[in-house]
Amino acid sequence: MSLSEYLLVEIRQSAERPTVAEIRDRLETRTPVKPSVPPADMIRMERDIR
């Protein structure tokens, strides 16, 4: 694969990804999650197991 072909593939893949604004808009439509255990506590528990 030539450098030009590689760059074309990268540009096409990049163009297909959603923009930050599109991701933000999608996230705003979702219901917030309220975990029963705070994420930091869950990570600490997992690390302590190891």
Protein backbone atom coordinates (compact mmCIF):
# COMPACT_ATOMS: atom_id res chain seq x y z
CA MET A 1 0.00 0.00 0.00
CA SER A 2 1.41 3.34 -0.99
CA LEU A 3 1.42 6.37 1.29
CA SER A 4 -1.23 8.02 -0.88
CA GLU A 5 -3.52 4.99 -0.59
CA TYR A 6 -2.98 4.84 3.15
CA LEU A 7 -3.80 8.52 3.56
CA LEU A 8 -6.96 8.18 1.47
CA VAL A 9 -8.13 5.32 3.71
CA GLU A 10 -7.40 7.39 6.83
CA ILE A 11 -9.22 10.42 5.45
CA ARG A 12 -12.29 8.36 4.52
CA GLN A 13 -12.40 6.70 7.94
CA SER A 14 -12.00 10.05 9.67
CA ALA A 15 -14.81 11.57 7.60
CA GLU A 16 -17.15 8.73 8.62
CA ARG A 17 -16.66 9.35 12.35
CA PRO A 18 -19.20 11.57 14.07
CA THR A 19 -18.08 15.05 15.07
CA VAL A 20 -17.80 16.09 18.72
CA ALA A 21 -20.99 18.14 18.30
CA GLU A 22 -22.86 15.10 16.92
CA ILE A 23 -21.70 12.93 19.82
CA ARG A 24 -22.68 15.64 22.31
CA ASP A 25 -26.15 15.93 20.74
CA ARG A 26 -26.63 12.17 20.97
CA LEU A 27 -25.50 12.08 24.59
CA GLU A 28 -27.91 14.85 25.55
CA THR A 29 -30.85 12.68 24.44
CA ARG A 30 -29.87 9.79 26.69
CA THR A 31 -31.16 9.19 30.19
CA PRO A 32 -28.53 9.91 32.88
CA VAL A 33 -27.18 6.87 34.74
CA LYS A 34 -27.07 6.89 38.53
CA PRO A 35 -25.00 3.88 39.65
CA SER A 36 -25.67 2.41 43.08
CA VAL A 37 -21.90 2.30 43.74
CA PRO A 38 -19.81 5.32 42.70
CA PRO A 39 -17.46 4.43 39.80
CA ALA A 40 -14.34 5.40 41.76
CA ASP A 41 -15.35 3.02 44.57
CA MET A 42 -16.00 0.22 42.08
CA ILE A 43 -12.58 0.70 40.46
CA ARG A 44 -10.90 0.71 43.87
CA MET A 45 -12.69 -2.54 44.83
CA GLU A 46 -11.58 -4.18 41.58
CA ARG A 47 -7.98 -3.06 42.09
CA ASP A 48 -7.96 -4.28 45.68
CA ILE A 49 -9.08 -7.76 44.52
CA ARG A 50 -5.97 -8.04 42.34
